[in-house]
Amino acid sequence: MEGNNNQQNNRTYGTHGEEKAVRYLQQNGYIVLARNFTAFGIEIDILAKKEIQQEMHFFMVEVKRVRAGYYRAGYPVVRMRQLNRYKNARQRWFVRENRIFNVHISLILLSEDLSVLDFFPYWA
């Protein structure tokens, strides 16, 4: 039973974290298109768009909660396997639409209290 409670708490914590990330993006001029969106074999936490210099840019946003001490020490917060999945999804998006999109892999880091530590719009 305890395992189920921990899993439920993590899901609830993750949902609240994603809500904070959505608000942050919206406050910074992004339009959120979808949350927990599955495409090309990967679940994207947030799919957003923003017009930059008269061109539409799309952002596949990964939301991660990190301990501030680990973050400041430079520990990796996303596994290489997951980053490669995002890169593969971006590439497949280009191929499917048969045209070039401005698609960026982005990262929002949240602290343990779910405040935004950092946002990397052009992370990969």
N, C-alpha and C. Protein backbone atom coordinates (compact mmCIF):
# COMPACT_ATOMS: atom_id res chain seq x y z
N MET A 1 0.81 -1.21 0.00
CA MET A 1 0.00 0.00 0.00
C MET A 1 0.85 1.27 0.00
N GLU A 2 1.96 1.23 0.76
CA GLU A 2 2.79 2.43 0.85
C GLU A 2 3.35 2.83 -0.51
N GLY A 3 3.70 1.82 -1.34
CA GLY A 3 4.20 2.11 -2.68
C GLY A 3 3.18 2.87 -3.51
N ASN A 4 1.90 2.47 -3.39
CA ASN A 4 0.84 3.16 -4.13
C ASN A 4 0.69 4.60 -3.66
N ASN A 5 0.81 4.82 -2.33
CA ASN A 5 0.72 6.19 -1.81
C ASN A 5 1.85 7.06 -2.33
N ASN A 6 3.06 6.51 -2.36
CA ASN A 6 4.21 7.27 -2.88
C ASN A 6 4.01 7.60 -4.35
N GLN A 7 3.51 6.63 -5.11
CA GLN A 7 3.26 6.85 -6.52
C GLN A 7 2.21 7.93 -6.72
N GLN A 8 1.15 7.89 -5.94
CA GLN A 8 0.09 8.90 -6.02
C GLN A 8 0.62 10.28 -5.64
N ASN A 9 1.43 10.33 -4.58
CA ASN A 9 2.03 11.61 -4.15
C ASN A 9 2.93 12.17 -5.24
N ASN A 10 3.73 11.31 -5.87
CA ASN A 10 4.61 11.77 -6.95
C ASN A 10 3.80 12.30 -8.12
N ARG A 11 2.70 11.61 -8.47
CA ARG A 11 1.85 12.08 -9.57
C ARG A 11 1.23 13.43 -9.24
N THR A 12 0.73 13.56 -8.01
CA THR A 12 0.14 14.83 -7.58
C THR A 12 1.18 15.94 -7.60
N TYR A 13 2.37 15.65 -7.07
CA TYR A 13 3.45 16.61 -7.05
C TYR A 13 3.83 17.00 -8.48
N GLY A 14 3.87 15.99 -9.38
CA GLY A 14 4.20 16.25 -10.77
C GLY A 14 3.16 17.12 -11.45
N THR A 15 1.90 16.87 -11.16
CA THR A 15 0.82 17.68 -11.73
C THR A 15 0.92 19.12 -11.27
N HIS A 16 1.18 19.33 -9.99
CA HIS A 16 1.33 20.69 -9.48
C HIS A 16 2.55 21.37 -10.11
N GLY A 17 3.61 20.62 -10.28
CA GLY A 17 4.81 21.17 -10.91
C GLY A 17 4.56 21.58 -12.34
N GLU A 18 3.85 20.74 -13.07
CA GLU A 18 3.53 21.08 -14.46
C GLU A 18 2.61 22.29 -14.53
N GLU A 19 1.70 22.43 -13.58
CA GLU A 19 0.83 23.62 -13.55
C GLU A 19 1.67 24.88 -13.33
N LYS A 20 2.66 24.80 -12.44
CA LYS A 20 3.55 25.95 -12.21
C LYS A 20 4.32 26.27 -13.49
N ALA A 21 4.80 25.23 -14.18
CA ALA A 21 5.55 25.43 -15.41
C ALA A 21 4.67 26.05 -16.50
N VAL A 22 3.42 25.61 -16.60
CA VAL A 22 2.48 26.17 -17.58
C VAL A 22 2.28 27.66 -17.30
N ARG A 23 2.04 28.00 -16.04
CA ARG A 23 1.85 29.42 -15.69
C ARG A 23 3.09 30.24 -16.05
N TYR A 24 4.26 29.69 -15.75
CA TYR A 24 5.51 30.39 -16.07
C TYR A 24 5.61 30.65 -17.57
N LEU A 25 5.32 29.63 -18.36
CA LEU A 25 5.38 29.78 -19.82
C LEU A 25 4.38 30.83 -20.30
N GLN A 26 3.16 30.75 -19.81
CA GLN A 26 2.13 31.70 -20.22
C GLN A 26 2.50 33.13 -19.84
N GLN A 27 3.07 33.31 -18.66
CA GLN A 27 3.49 34.64 -18.22
C GLN A 27 4.63 35.19 -19.09
N ASN A 28 5.32 34.29 -19.79
CA ASN A 28 6.43 34.70 -20.63
C ASN A 28 6.09 34.64 -22.12
N GLY A 29 4.79 34.67 -22.43
CA GLY A 29 4.34 34.81 -23.81
C GLY A 29 4.19 33.54 -24.61
N TYR A 30 4.29 32.39 -23.99
CA TYR A 30 4.11 31.12 -24.69
C TYR A 30 2.63 30.72 -24.67
N ILE A 31 2.20 30.06 -25.72
CA ILE A 31 0.86 29.51 -25.79
C ILE A 31 0.99 28.00 -25.60
N VAL A 32 0.35 27.49 -24.58
CA VAL A 32 0.42 26.06 -24.29
C VAL A 32 -0.60 25.33 -25.16
N LEU A 33 -0.10 24.39 -25.94
CA LEU A 33 -0.96 23.63 -26.85
C LEU A 33 -1.45 22.33 -26.24
N ALA A 34 -0.60 21.69 -25.43
CA ALA A 34 -0.98 20.40 -24.85
C ALA A 34 -0.09 20.09 -23.65
N ARG A 35 -0.63 19.24 -22.78
CA ARG A 35 0.13 18.73 -21.63
C ARG A 35 0.10 17.21 -21.69
N ASN A 36 1.20 16.61 -21.28
CA ASN A 36 1.32 15.15 -21.29
C ASN A 36 0.88 14.58 -22.64
N PHE A 37 1.46 15.14 -23.66
CA PHE A 37 1.14 14.85 -25.04
C PHE A 37 2.07 13.75 -25.54
N THR A 38 1.51 12.68 -26.07
CA THR A 38 2.33 11.60 -26.60
C THR A 38 2.42 11.72 -28.12
N ALA A 39 3.65 11.78 -28.60
CA ALA A 39 3.89 11.86 -30.04
C ALA A 39 5.23 11.22 -30.34
N PHE A 40 5.27 10.49 -31.43
CA PHE A 40 6.52 9.90 -31.90
C PHE A 40 7.21 9.05 -30.84
N GLY A 41 6.41 8.39 -30.01
CA GLY A 41 6.97 7.47 -29.04
C GLY A 41 7.48 8.09 -27.76
N ILE A 42 7.17 9.34 -27.50
CA ILE A 42 7.62 9.98 -26.27
C ILE A 42 6.49 10.82 -25.69
N GLU A 43 6.40 10.85 -24.36
CA GLU A 43 5.44 11.74 -23.72
C GLU A 43 6.12 13.08 -23.47
N ILE A 44 5.53 14.11 -24.02
CA ILE A 44 6.05 15.46 -23.88
C ILE A 44 5.26 16.11 -22.76
N ASP A 45 5.96 16.61 -21.73
CA ASP A 45 5.27 17.21 -20.59
C ASP A 45 4.40 18.38 -21.03
N ILE A 46 4.99 19.28 -21.80
CA ILE A 46 4.25 20.46 -22.27
C ILE A 46 4.65 20.74 -23.72
N LEU A 47 3.67 20.94 -24.57
CA LEU A 47 3.93 21.39 -25.93
C LEU A 47 3.43 22.82 -26.01
N ALA A 48 4.32 23.72 -26.39
CA ALA A 48 3.97 25.14 -26.42
C ALA A 48 4.47 25.77 -27.72
N LYS A 49 3.97 26.96 -27.98
CA LYS A 49 4.46 27.71 -29.14
C LYS A 49 4.58 29.18 -28.78
N LYS A 50 5.42 29.85 -29.56
CA LYS A 50 5.62 31.29 -29.35
C LYS A 50 6.13 31.88 -30.66
N GLU A 51 5.60 33.04 -31.00
CA GLU A 51 6.09 33.74 -32.18
C GLU A 51 7.35 34.52 -31.80
N ILE A 52 8.40 34.27 -32.55
CA ILE A 52 9.68 34.95 -32.32
C ILE A 52 10.15 35.50 -33.66
N GLN A 53 10.33 36.78 -33.73
CA GLN A 53 10.76 37.47 -34.95
C GLN A 53 9.92 37.05 -36.15
N GLN A 54 8.62 37.09 -35.98
CA GLN A 54 7.62 36.82 -37.01
C GLN A 54 7.65 35.38 -37.53
N GLU A 55 8.21 34.47 -36.76
CA GLU A 55 8.18 33.05 -37.09
C GLU A 55 7.65 32.28 -35.89
N MET A 56 6.83 31.25 -36.16
CA MET A 56 6.30 30.44 -35.09
C MET A 56 7.33 29.38 -34.68
N HIS A 57 7.56 29.30 -33.40
CA HIS A 57 8.48 28.31 -32.82
C HIS A 57 7.68 27.39 -31.91
N PHE A 58 8.00 26.11 -31.96
CA PHE A 58 7.35 25.11 -31.11
C PHE A 58 8.37 24.62 -30.08
N PHE A 59 7.89 24.36 -28.87
CA PHE A 59 8.76 23.97 -27.76
C PHE A 59 8.22 22.70 -27.12
N MET A 60 9.03 21.65 -27.15
CA MET A 60 8.72 20.42 -26.43
C MET A 60 9.40 20.58 -25.08
N VAL A 61 8.62 20.79 -24.04
CA VAL A 61 9.16 21.17 -22.74
C VAL A 61 9.15 19.99 -21.77
N GLU A 62 10.30 19.67 -21.25
CA GLU A 62 10.45 18.68 -20.19
C GLU A 62 10.48 19.43 -18.86
N VAL A 63 9.69 18.98 -17.91
CA VAL A 63 9.64 19.61 -16.59
C VAL A 63 10.30 18.66 -15.59
N LYS A 64 11.29 19.16 -14.87
CA LYS A 64 12.01 18.34 -13.89
C LYS A 64 12.09 19.07 -12.55
N ARG A 65 11.83 18.32 -11.50
CA ARG A 65 12.02 18.84 -10.14
C ARG A 65 13.38 18.36 -9.68
N VAL A 66 14.18 19.28 -9.16
CA VAL A 66 15.54 18.94 -8.73
C VAL A 66 15.81 19.54 -7.35
N ARG A 67 16.73 18.93 -6.67
CA ARG A 67 17.21 19.52 -5.43
C ARG A 67 18.19 20.62 -5.79
N ALA A 68 17.99 21.78 -5.20
CA ALA A 68 18.78 22.95 -5.56
C ALA A 68 20.28 22.69 -5.43
N GLY A 69 20.68 21.97 -4.40
CA GLY A 69 22.09 21.68 -4.20
C GLY A 69 22.68 20.85 -5.33
N TYR A 70 21.94 19.86 -5.79
CA TYR A 70 22.40 19.04 -6.91
C TYR A 70 22.48 19.87 -8.18
N TYR A 71 21.48 20.72 -8.37
CA TYR A 71 21.46 21.55 -9.57
C TYR A 71 22.66 22.48 -9.61
N ARG A 72 22.93 23.15 -8.49
CA ARG A 72 24.08 24.07 -8.44
C ARG A 72 25.40 23.33 -8.61
N ALA A 73 25.45 22.07 -8.20
CA ALA A 73 26.67 21.28 -8.31
C ALA A 73 26.88 20.76 -9.73
N GLY A 74 25.89 20.92 -10.59
CA GLY A 74 26.04 20.52 -11.98
C GLY A 74 25.68 19.08 -12.30
N TYR A 75 24.97 18.41 -11.40
CA TYR A 75 24.55 17.04 -11.68
C TYR A 75 23.55 17.04 -12.85
N PRO A 76 23.64 16.03 -13.72
CA PRO A 76 22.67 15.97 -14.83
C PRO A 76 21.26 15.70 -14.29
N VAL A 77 20.28 16.35 -14.88
CA VAL A 77 18.90 16.19 -14.41
C VAL A 77 18.06 15.37 -15.38
N VAL A 78 18.56 15.16 -16.58
CA VAL A 78 17.85 14.35 -17.58
C VAL A 78 18.83 13.31 -18.12
N ARG A 79 18.36 12.09 -18.20
CA ARG A 79 19.20 11.02 -18.73
C ARG A 79 19.38 11.17 -20.23
N MET A 80 20.54 10.77 -20.71
CA MET A 80 20.86 10.87 -22.14
C MET A 80 19.83 10.12 -22.99
N ARG A 81 19.34 9.00 -22.50
CA ARG A 81 18.35 8.22 -23.23
C ARG A 81 17.08 9.05 -23.48
N GLN A 82 16.65 9.78 -22.46
CA GLN A 82 15.45 10.60 -22.61
C GLN A 82 15.71 11.75 -23.57
N LEU A 83 16.86 12.38 -23.47
CA LEU A 83 17.21 13.46 -24.39
C LEU A 83 17.22 12.95 -25.83
N ASN A 84 17.77 11.77 -26.05
CA ASN A 84 17.80 11.21 -27.40
C ASN A 84 16.40 10.93 -27.92
N ARG A 85 15.49 10.52 -27.04
CA ARG A 85 14.09 10.33 -27.46
C ARG A 85 13.48 11.64 -27.93
N TYR A 86 13.74 12.71 -27.22
CA TYR A 86 13.24 14.02 -27.63
C TYR A 86 13.82 14.41 -28.99
N LYS A 87 15.11 14.20 -29.16
CA LYS A 87 15.75 14.54 -30.44
C LYS A 87 15.14 13.72 -31.58
N ASN A 88 14.89 12.44 -31.33
CA ASN A 88 14.27 11.58 -32.33
C ASN A 88 12.86 12.07 -32.66
N ALA A 89 12.09 12.46 -31.65
CA ALA A 89 10.73 12.98 -31.87
C ALA A 89 10.78 14.25 -32.71
N ARG A 90 11.73 15.12 -32.41
CA ARG A 90 11.85 16.36 -33.18
C ARG A 90 12.16 16.04 -34.64
N GLN A 91 13.09 15.12 -34.86
CA GLN A 91 13.46 14.75 -36.22
C GLN A 91 12.28 14.13 -36.98
N ARG A 92 11.52 13.28 -36.30
CA ARG A 92 10.36 12.64 -36.94
C ARG A 92 9.28 13.67 -37.25
N TRP A 93 9.16 14.71 -36.43
CA TRP A 93 8.20 15.78 -36.70
C TRP A 93 8.56 16.47 -38.02
N PHE A 94 9.85 16.76 -38.19
CA PHE A 94 10.30 17.39 -39.44
C PHE A 94 9.94 16.52 -40.64
N VAL A 95 10.23 15.23 -40.55
CA VAL A 95 10.01 14.31 -41.67
C VAL A 95 8.53 14.17 -41.98
N ARG A 96 7.72 14.03 -40.93
CA ARG A 96 6.28 13.82 -41.13
C ARG A 96 5.64 15.00 -41.86
N GLU A 97 6.01 16.18 -41.48
CA GLU A 97 5.40 17.37 -42.07
C GLU A 97 6.07 17.77 -43.39
N ASN A 98 7.21 17.13 -43.69
CA ASN A 98 7.95 17.38 -44.92
C ASN A 98 8.32 18.85 -45.10
N ARG A 99 8.58 19.49 -43.99
CA ARG A 99 9.06 20.87 -44.05
C ARG A 99 9.79 21.18 -42.74
N ILE A 100 10.50 22.23 -42.75
CA ILE A 100 11.29 22.59 -41.58
C ILE A 100 10.44 23.41 -40.62
N PHE A 101 10.44 22.99 -39.39
CA PHE A 101 9.79 23.72 -38.32
C PHE A 101 10.86 24.23 -37.37
N ASN A 102 10.53 25.26 -36.66
CA ASN A 102 11.38 25.71 -35.56
C ASN A 102 10.90 24.95 -34.33
N VAL A 103 11.45 23.77 -34.12
CA VAL A 103 11.06 22.94 -32.99
C VAL A 103 12.24 22.85 -32.03
N HIS A 104 11.99 23.20 -30.79
CA HIS A 104 13.06 23.23 -29.79
C HIS A 104 12.73 22.28 -28.64
N ILE A 105 13.76 21.68 -28.11
CA ILE A 105 13.63 20.85 -26.92
C ILE A 105 14.01 21.75 -25.75
N SER A 106 13.07 21.92 -24.83
CA SER A 106 13.24 22.87 -23.74
C SER A 106 13.20 22.16 -22.39
N LEU A 107 13.72 22.82 -21.38
CA LEU A 107 13.77 22.25 -20.04
C LEU A 107 13.41 23.31 -19.02
N ILE A 108 12.46 22.98 -18.14
CA ILE A 108 12.14 23.84 -16.99
C ILE A 108 12.54 23.06 -15.75
N LEU A 109 13.35 23.68 -14.92
CA LEU A 109 13.76 23.06 -13.66
C LEU A 109 13.01 23.71 -12.51
N LEU A 110 12.40 22.87 -11.70
CA LEU A 110 11.65 23.32 -10.53
C LEU A 110 12.39 22.91 -9.26
N SER A 111 12.32 23.75 -8.25
CA SER A 111 12.90 23.41 -6.96
C SER A 111 11.97 22.47 -6.22
N GLU A 112 12.39 22.02 -5.06
CA GLU A 112 11.57 21.11 -4.27
C GLU A 112 10.24 21.74 -3.87
N ASP A 113 10.21 23.08 -3.73
CA ASP A 113 8.94 23.75 -3.39
C ASP A 113 8.17 24.16 -4.65
N LEU A 114 8.63 23.66 -5.82
CA LEU A 114 8.00 23.85 -7.12
C LEU A 114 8.11 25.27 -7.67
N SER A 115 9.06 26.05 -7.19
CA SER A 115 9.30 27.34 -7.83
C SER A 115 10.28 27.11 -9.00
N VAL A 116 10.19 27.94 -10.02
CA VAL A 116 11.02 27.78 -11.20
C VAL A 116 12.45 28.21 -10.87
N LEU A 117 13.38 27.24 -11.01
CA LEU A 117 14.80 27.53 -10.82
C LEU A 117 15.41 28.10 -12.08
N ASP A 118 15.04 27.50 -13.21
CA ASP A 118 15.65 27.91 -14.47
C ASP A 118 14.80 27.42 -15.64
N PHE A 119 14.92 28.11 -16.75
CA PHE A 119 14.23 27.71 -17.98
C PHE A 119 15.23 27.79 -19.11
N PHE A 120 15.37 26.69 -19.83
CA PHE A 120 16.27 26.62 -20.98
C PHE A 120 15.43 26.38 -22.24
N PRO A 121 15.02 27.45 -22.93
CA PRO A 121 14.12 27.27 -24.08
C PRO A 121 14.80 26.53 -25.23
N TYR A 122 16.10 26.68 -25.37
CA TYR A 122 16.84 26.05 -26.47
C TYR A 122 17.84 25.05 -25.91
N TRP A 123 17.34 24.18 -25.05
CA TRP A 123 18.19 23.25 -24.31
C TRP A 123 18.93 22.29 -25.23
N ALA A 124 18.24 21.74 -26.22
CA ALA A 124 18.91 20.77 -27.11
C ALA A 124 18.37 20.92 -28.53
